[in-house]
Amino acid sequence: MCLGAIYWARIDKVFFANTRFDAEDIGFDDSFIYEEISRSMKERKIEFKQLLREEALEAFRAWEENEDKVKY
């Protein structure tokens, strides 16, 4: 499960067996991901480009006005 989803879901506890170093030992090198997360968007090697913010905010406004929503 992605780290963002874990926090958004308000999970109380995460169980895991292997470490990122165990994964690296068998060829899954996640060090690039850990390095990128700590950088600002402008410093990252993969370009992040924001598009259509105003249109996307319409969906947020609709969510905000929904009286049946579950607050997170």
PDB file of N, CA and C in Angstrom:
ATOM      1  N   MET A   1       0.856  -1.175   0.000  1.00  0.00           N
ATOM      2  CA  MET A   1       0.000   0.000   0.000  1.00  0.00           C
ATOM      3  C   MET A   1       0.902   1.238   0.000  1.00  0.00           C
ATOM      4  N   CYS A   2       0.534   2.239  -0.740  1.00  0.00           N
ATOM      5  CA  CYS A   2       1.383   3.438  -0.802  1.00  0.00           C
ATOM      6  C   CYS A   2       1.291   4.210   0.514  1.00  0.00           C
ATOM      7  N   LEU A   3       2.381   4.870   0.876  1.00  0.00           N
ATOM      8  CA  LEU A   3       2.455   5.579   2.151  1.00  0.00           C
ATOM      9  C   LEU A   3       1.375   6.646   2.282  1.00  0.00           C
ATOM     10  N   GLY A   4       1.113   7.365   1.203  1.00  0.00           N
ATOM     11  CA  GLY A   4       0.064   8.380   1.237  1.00  0.00           C
ATOM     12  C   GLY A   4      -1.291   7.774   1.559  1.00  0.00           C
ATOM     13  N   ALA A   5      -1.604   6.640   0.953  1.00  0.00           N
ATOM     14  CA  ALA A   5      -2.887   5.972   1.196  1.00  0.00           C
ATOM     15  C   ALA A   5      -2.992   5.498   2.641  1.00  0.00           C
ATOM     16  N   ILE A   6      -1.885   5.040   3.208  1.00  0.00           N
ATOM     17  CA  ILE A   6      -1.888   4.600   4.605  1.00  0.00           C
ATOM     18  C   ILE A   6      -2.289   5.754   5.519  1.00  0.00           C
ATOM     19  N   TYR A   7      -1.688   6.917   5.310  1.00  0.00           N
ATOM     20  CA  TYR A   7      -2.003   8.065   6.163  1.00  0.00           C
ATOM     21  C   TYR A   7      -3.408   8.602   5.906  1.00  0.00           C
ATOM     22  N   TRP A   8      -3.825   8.646   4.656  1.00  0.00           N
ATOM     23  CA  TRP A   8      -5.177   9.126   4.354  1.00  0.00           C
ATOM     24  C   TRP A   8      -6.239   8.204   4.937  1.00  0.00           C
ATOM     25  N   ALA A   9      -5.963   6.908   4.978  1.00  0.00           N
ATOM     26  CA  ALA A   9      -6.926   5.939   5.502  1.00  0.00           C
ATOM     27  C   ALA A   9      -6.957   5.929   7.032  1.00  0.00           C
ATOM     28  N   ARG A  10      -6.046   6.670   7.647  1.00  0.00           N
ATOM     29  CA  ARG A  10      -5.966   6.755   9.112  1.00  0.00           C
ATOM     30  C   ARG A  10      -5.769   5.376   9.750  1.00  0.00           C
ATOM     31  N   ILE A  11      -4.954   4.573   9.099  1.00  0.00           N
ATOM     32  CA  ILE A  11      -4.652   3.245   9.628  1.00  0.00           C
ATOM     33  C   ILE A  11      -3.876   3.406  10.934  1.00  0.00           C
ATOM     34  N   ASP A  12      -4.227   2.604  11.938  1.00  0.00           N
ATOM     35  CA  ASP A  12      -3.579   2.705  13.250  1.00  0.00           C
ATOM     36  C   ASP A  12      -2.220   2.028  13.306  1.00  0.00           C
ATOM     37  N   LYS A  13      -2.059   0.973  12.510  1.00  0.00           N
ATOM     38  CA  LYS A  13      -0.834   0.200  12.598  1.00  0.00           C
ATOM     39  C   LYS A  13      -0.581  -0.485  11.263  1.00  0.00           C
ATOM     40  N   VAL A  14       0.674  -0.562  10.871  1.00  0.00           N
ATOM     41  CA  VAL A  14       1.072  -1.251   9.645  1.00  0.00           C
ATOM     42  C   VAL A  14       2.000  -2.392  10.034  1.00  0.00           C
ATOM     43  N   PHE A  15       1.693  -3.592   9.565  1.00  0.00           N
ATOM     44  CA  PHE A  15       2.550  -4.743   9.804  1.00  0.00           C
ATOM     45  C   PHE A  15       3.364  -5.015   8.548  1.00  0.00           C
ATOM     46  N   PHE A  16       4.640  -5.274   8.700  1.00  0.00           N
ATOM     47  CA  PHE A  16       5.482  -5.607   7.555  1.00  0.00           C
ATOM     48  C   PHE A  16       6.577  -6.555   8.014  1.00  0.00           C
ATOM     49  N   ALA A  17       7.163  -7.260   7.067  1.00  0.00           N
ATOM     50  CA  ALA A  17       8.208  -8.227   7.391  1.00  0.00           C
ATOM     51  C   ALA A  17       9.581  -7.756   6.917  1.00  0.00           C
ATOM     52  N   ASN A  18       9.683  -7.416   5.655  1.00  0.00           N
ATOM     53  CA  ASN A  18      10.988  -7.081   5.097  1.00  0.00           C
ATOM     54  C   ASN A  18      11.246  -5.584   5.119  1.00  0.00           C
ATOM     55  N   THR A  19      12.518  -5.231   5.181  1.00  0.00           N
ATOM     56  CA  THR A  19      12.919  -3.831   5.147  1.00  0.00           C
ATOM     57  C   THR A  19      13.235  -3.431   3.713  1.00  0.00           C
ATOM     58  N   ARG A  20      13.419  -2.135   3.500  1.00  0.00           N
ATOM     59  CA  ARG A  20      13.813  -1.668   2.171  1.00  0.00           C
ATOM     60  C   ARG A  20      15.190  -2.207   1.807  1.00  0.00           C
ATOM     61  N   PHE A  21      16.012  -2.471   2.811  1.00  0.00           N
ATOM     62  CA  PHE A  21      17.347  -3.018   2.552  1.00  0.00           C
ATOM     63  C   PHE A  21      17.264  -4.490   2.146  1.00  0.00           C
ATOM     64  N   ASP A  22      16.311  -5.233   2.720  1.00  0.00           N
ATOM     65  CA  ASP A  22      16.079  -6.615   2.290  1.00  0.00           C
ATOM     66  C   ASP A  22      15.662  -6.637   0.829  1.00  0.00           C
ATOM     67  N   ALA A  23      14.779  -5.718   0.453  1.00  0.00           N
ATOM     68  CA  ALA A  23      14.327  -5.635  -0.940  1.00  0.00           C
ATOM     69  C   ALA A  23      15.492  -5.281  -1.854  1.00  0.00           C
ATOM     70  N   GLU A  24      16.338  -4.379  -1.393  1.00  0.00           N
ATOM     71  CA  GLU A  24      17.504  -3.982  -2.194  1.00  0.00           C
ATOM     72  C   GLU A  24      18.439  -5.168  -2.421  1.00  0.00           C
ATOM     73  N   ASP A  25      18.577  -6.019  -1.413  1.00  0.00           N
ATOM     74  CA  ASP A  25      19.457  -7.185  -1.520  1.00  0.00           C
ATOM     75  C   ASP A  25      19.040  -8.143  -2.624  1.00  0.00           C
ATOM     76  N   ILE A  26      17.750  -8.146  -2.983  1.00  0.00           N
ATOM     77  CA  ILE A  26      17.304  -9.050  -4.052  1.00  0.00           C
ATOM     78  C   ILE A  26      16.971  -8.307  -5.342  1.00  0.00           C
ATOM     79  N   GLY A  27      17.428  -7.060  -5.439  1.00  0.00           N
ATOM     80  CA  GLY A  27      17.310  -6.343  -6.700  1.00  0.00           C
ATOM     81  C   GLY A  27      16.254  -5.266  -6.787  1.00  0.00           C
ATOM     82  N   PHE A  28      15.495  -5.039  -5.715  1.00  0.00           N
ATOM     83  CA  PHE A  28      14.490  -3.974  -5.720  1.00  0.00           C
ATOM     84  C   PHE A  28      15.072  -2.760  -5.001  1.00  0.00           C
ATOM     85  N   ASP A  29      15.724  -1.901  -5.736  1.00  0.00           N
ATOM     86  CA  ASP A  29      16.399  -0.758  -5.137  1.00  0.00           C
ATOM     87  C   ASP A  29      15.456   0.435  -5.086  1.00  0.00           C
ATOM     88  N   ASP A  30      14.936   0.722  -3.906  1.00  0.00           N
ATOM     89  CA  ASP A  30      14.005   1.834  -3.711  1.00  0.00           C
ATOM     90  C   ASP A  30      14.710   3.109  -3.261  1.00  0.00           C
ATOM     91  N   SER A  31      16.032   3.110  -3.212  1.00  0.00           N
ATOM     92  CA  SER A  31      16.753   4.281  -2.702  1.00  0.00           C
ATOM     93  C   SER A  31      16.414   5.536  -3.502  1.00  0.00           C
ATOM     94  N   PHE A  32      16.194   5.388  -4.803  1.00  0.00           N
ATOM     95  CA  PHE A  32      15.826   6.531  -5.641  1.00  0.00           C
ATOM     96  C   PHE A  32      14.533   7.170  -5.139  1.00  0.00           C
ATOM     97  N   ILE A  33      13.559   6.351  -4.768  1.00  0.00           N
ATOM     98  CA  ILE A  33      12.276   6.858  -4.270  1.00  0.00           C
ATOM     99  C   ILE A  33      12.484   7.629  -2.966  1.00  0.00           C
ATOM    100  N   TYR A  34      13.247   7.059  -2.049  1.00  0.00           N
ATOM    101  CA  TYR A  34      13.493   7.724  -0.771  1.00  0.00           C
ATOM    102  C   TYR A  34      14.232   9.048  -0.961  1.00  0.00           C
ATOM    103  N   GLU A  35      15.157   9.097  -1.902  1.00  0.00           N
ATOM    104  CA  GLU A  35      15.883  10.337  -2.198  1.00  0.00           C
ATOM    105  C   GLU A  35      14.942  11.385  -2.793  1.00  0.00           C
ATOM    106  N   GLU A  36      14.093  10.973  -3.712  1.00  0.00           N
ATOM    107  CA  GLU A  36      13.188  11.904  -4.384  1.00  0.00           C
ATOM    108  C   GLU A  36      12.157  12.498  -3.428  1.00  0.00           C
ATOM    109  N   ILE A  37      11.643  11.700  -2.515  1.00  0.00           N
ATOM    110  CA  ILE A  37      10.624  12.164  -1.569  1.00  0.00           C
ATOM    111  C   ILE A  37      11.136  13.336  -0.739  1.00  0.00           C
ATOM    112  N   SER A  38      12.411  13.314  -0.405  1.00  0.00           N
ATOM    113  CA  SER A  38      12.963  14.371   0.445  1.00  0.00           C
ATOM    114  C   SER A  38      13.259  15.666  -0.314  1.00  0.00           C
ATOM    115  N   ARG A  39      13.176  15.640  -1.630  1.00  0.00           N
ATOM    116  CA  ARG A  39      13.475  16.824  -2.439  1.00  0.00           C
ATOM    117  C   ARG A  39      12.212  17.641  -2.717  1.00  0.00           C
ATOM    118  N   SER A  40      12.403  18.924  -3.002  1.00  0.00           N
ATOM    119  CA  SER A  40      11.270  19.738  -3.449  1.00  0.00           C
ATOM    120  C   SER A  40      10.912  19.305  -4.871  1.00  0.00           C
ATOM    121  N   MET A  41       9.721  19.640  -5.318  1.00  0.00           N
ATOM    122  CA  MET A  41       9.303  19.233  -6.665  1.00  0.00           C
ATOM    123  C   MET A  41      10.240  19.763  -7.740  1.00  0.00           C
ATOM    124  N   LYS A  42      10.764  20.954  -7.542  1.00  0.00           N
ATOM    125  CA  LYS A  42      11.669  21.537  -8.535  1.00  0.00           C
ATOM    126  C   LYS A  42      12.999  20.798  -8.613  1.00  0.00           C
ATOM    127  N   GLU A  43      13.387  20.133  -7.527  1.00  0.00           N
ATOM    128  CA  GLU A  43      14.663  19.420  -7.482  1.00  0.00           C
ATOM    129  C   GLU A  43      14.565  17.973  -7.955  1.00  0.00           C
ATOM    130  N   ARG A  44      13.358  17.463  -8.127  1.00  0.00           N
ATOM    131  CA  ARG A  44      13.191  16.048  -8.478  1.00  0.00           C
ATOM    132  C   ARG A  44      13.586  15.770  -9.921  1.00  0.00           C
ATOM    133  N   LYS A  45      14.039  14.557 -10.145  1.00  0.00           N
ATOM    134  CA  LYS A  45      14.484  14.160 -11.486  1.00  0.00           C
ATOM    135  C   LYS A  45      13.315  13.929 -12.430  1.00  0.00           C
ATOM    136  N   ILE A  46      12.174  13.563 -11.881  1.00  0.00           N
ATOM    137  CA  ILE A  46      10.961  13.398 -12.679  1.00  0.00           C
ATOM    138  C   ILE A  46      10.179  14.704 -12.579  1.00  0.00           C
ATOM    139  N   GLU A  47       9.860  15.289 -13.706  1.00  0.00           N
ATOM    140  CA  GLU A  47       9.158  16.573 -13.711  1.00  0.00           C
ATOM    141  C   GLU A  47       7.709  16.403 -13.272  1.00  0.00           C
ATOM    142  N   PHE A  48       7.275  17.269 -12.376  1.00  0.00           N
ATOM    143  CA  PHE A  48       5.884  17.328 -11.948  1.00  0.00           C
ATOM    144  C   PHE A  48       5.315  18.635 -12.475  1.00  0.00           C
ATOM    145  N   LYS A  49       4.251  18.549 -13.256  1.00  0.00           N
ATOM    146  CA  LYS A  49       3.686  19.737 -13.884  1.00  0.00           C
ATOM    147  C   LYS A  49       2.207  19.828 -13.519  1.00  0.00           C
ATOM    148  N   GLN A  50       1.829  20.915 -12.885  1.00  0.00           N
ATOM    149  CA  GLN A  50       0.439  21.105 -12.477  1.00  0.00           C
ATOM    150  C   GLN A  50      -0.390  21.577 -13.662  1.00  0.00           C
ATOM    151  N   LEU A  51      -1.549  20.957 -13.831  1.00  0.00           N
ATOM    152  CA  LEU A  51      -2.469  21.308 -14.912  1.00  0.00           C
ATOM    153  C   LEU A  51      -3.891  21.433 -14.366  1.00  0.00           C
ATOM    154  N   LEU A  52      -4.668  22.298 -14.955  1.00  0.00           N
ATOM    155  CA  LEU A  52      -6.120  22.389 -14.737  1.00  0.00           C
ATOM    156  C   LEU A  52      -6.524  22.492 -13.262  1.00  0.00           C
ATOM    157  N   ARG A  53      -5.798  23.287 -12.495  1.00  0.00           N
ATOM    158  CA  ARG A  53      -6.089  23.411 -11.067  1.00  0.00           C
ATOM    159  C   ARG A  53      -7.503  23.919 -10.818  1.00  0.00           C
ATOM    160  N   GLU A  54      -7.906  24.951 -11.526  1.00  0.00           N
ATOM    161  CA  GLU A  54      -9.243  25.517 -11.295  1.00  0.00           C
ATOM    162  C   GLU A  54     -10.333  24.483 -11.556  1.00  0.00           C
ATOM    163  N   GLU A  55     -10.176  23.710 -12.620  1.00  0.00           N
ATOM    164  CA  GLU A  55     -11.163  22.666 -12.931  1.00  0.00           C
ATOM    165  C   GLU A  55     -11.163  21.595 -11.841  1.00  0.00           C
ATOM    166  N   ALA A  56      -9.988  21.252 -11.357  1.00  0.00           N
ATOM    167  CA  ALA A  56      -9.891  20.238 -10.305  1.00  0.00           C
ATOM    168  C   ALA A  56     -10.481  20.746  -8.991  1.00  0.00           C
ATOM    169  N   LEU A  57     -10.351  22.034  -8.734  1.00  0.00           N
ATOM    170  CA  LEU A  57     -10.923  22.610  -7.514  1.00  0.00           C
ATOM    171  C   LEU A  57     -12.443  22.507  -7.500  1.00  0.00           C
ATOM    172  N   GLU A  58     -13.062  22.460  -8.671  1.00  0.00           N
ATOM    173  CA  GLU A  58     -14.520  22.283  -8.733  1.00  0.00           C
ATOM    174  C   GLU A  58     -14.933  20.977  -8.068  1.00  0.00           C
ATOM    175  N   ALA A  59     -14.154  19.922  -8.278  1.00  0.00           N
ATOM    176  CA  ALA A  59     -14.450  18.633  -7.637  1.00  0.00           C
ATOM    177  C   ALA A  59     -14.286  18.746  -6.121  1.00  0.00           C
ATOM    178  N   PHE A  60     -13.268  19.474  -5.676  1.00  0.00           N
ATOM    179  CA  PHE A  60     -13.075  19.681  -4.238  1.00  0.00           C
ATOM    180  C   PHE A  60     -14.234  20.475  -3.644  1.00  0.00           C
ATOM    181  N   ARG A  61     -14.685  21.476  -4.345  1.00  0.00           N
ATOM    182  CA  ARG A  61     -15.810  22.288  -3.858  1.00  0.00           C
ATOM    183  C   ARG A  61     -17.086  21.450  -3.759  1.00  0.00           C
ATOM    184  N   ALA A  62     -17.298  20.584  -4.739  1.00  0.00           N
ATOM    185  CA  ALA A  62     -18.464  19.695  -4.701  1.00  0.00           C
ATOM    186  C   ALA A  62     -18.375  18.772  -3.487  1.00  0.00           C
ATOM    187  N   TRP A  63     -17.192  18.259  -3.209  1.00  0.00           N
ATOM    188  CA  TRP A  63     -16.989  17.405  -2.037  1.00  0.00           C
ATOM    189  C   TRP A  63     -17.261  18.201  -0.751  1.00  0.00           C
ATOM    190  N   GLU A  64     -16.766  19.420  -0.715  1.00  0.00           N
ATOM    191  CA  GLU A  64     -16.931  20.265   0.459  1.00  0.00           C
ATOM    192  C   GLU A  64     -18.408  20.543   0.744  1.00  0.00           C
ATOM    193  N   GLU A  65     -19.207  20.682  -0.289  1.00  0.00           N
ATOM    194  CA  GLU A  65     -20.629  20.985  -0.143  1.00  0.00           C
ATOM    195  C   GLU A  65     -21.488  19.746   0.106  1.00  0.00           C
ATOM    196  N   ASN A  66     -20.939  18.561  -0.095  1.00  0.00           N
ATOM    197  CA  ASN A  66     -21.672  17.320   0.086  1.00  0.00           C
ATOM    198  C   ASN A  66     -21.965  17.102   1.573  1.00  0.00           C
ATOM    199  N   GLU A  67     -23.234  17.058   1.926  1.00  0.00           N
ATOM    200  CA  GLU A  67     -23.609  16.898   3.331  1.00  0.00           C
ATOM    201  C   GLU A  67     -23.486  15.459   3.815  1.00  0.00           C
ATOM    202  N   ASP A  68     -23.353  14.496   2.901  1.00  0.00           N
ATOM    203  CA  ASP A  68     -23.254  13.081   3.277  1.00  0.00           C
ATOM    204  C   ASP A  68     -21.816  12.579   3.341  1.00  0.00           C
ATOM    205  N   LYS A  69     -20.850  13.466   3.211  1.00  0.00           N
ATOM    206  CA  LYS A  69     -19.451  13.029   3.152  1.00  0.00           C
ATOM    207  C   LYS A  69     -18.970  12.515   4.506  1.00  0.00           C
ATOM    208  N   VAL A  70     -17.959  11.679   4.441  1.00  0.00           N
ATOM    209  CA  VAL A  70     -17.270  11.203   5.638  1.00  0.00           C
ATOM    210  C   VAL A  70     -16.021  12.055   5.781  1.00  0.00           C
ATOM    211  N   LYS A  71     -15.885  12.744   6.913  1.00  0.00           N
ATOM    212  CA  LYS A  71     -14.712  13.597   7.125  1.00  0.00           C
ATOM    213  C   LYS A  71     -13.503  12.736   7.456  1.00  0.00           C
ATOM    214  N   TYR A  72     -12.385  13.108   6.892  1.00  0.00           N
ATOM    215  CA  TYR A  72     -11.128  12.383   7.131  1.00  0.00           C
ATOM    216  C   TYR A  72     -10.246  13.154   8.071  1.00  0.00           C
TER     217      TYR A  72
END
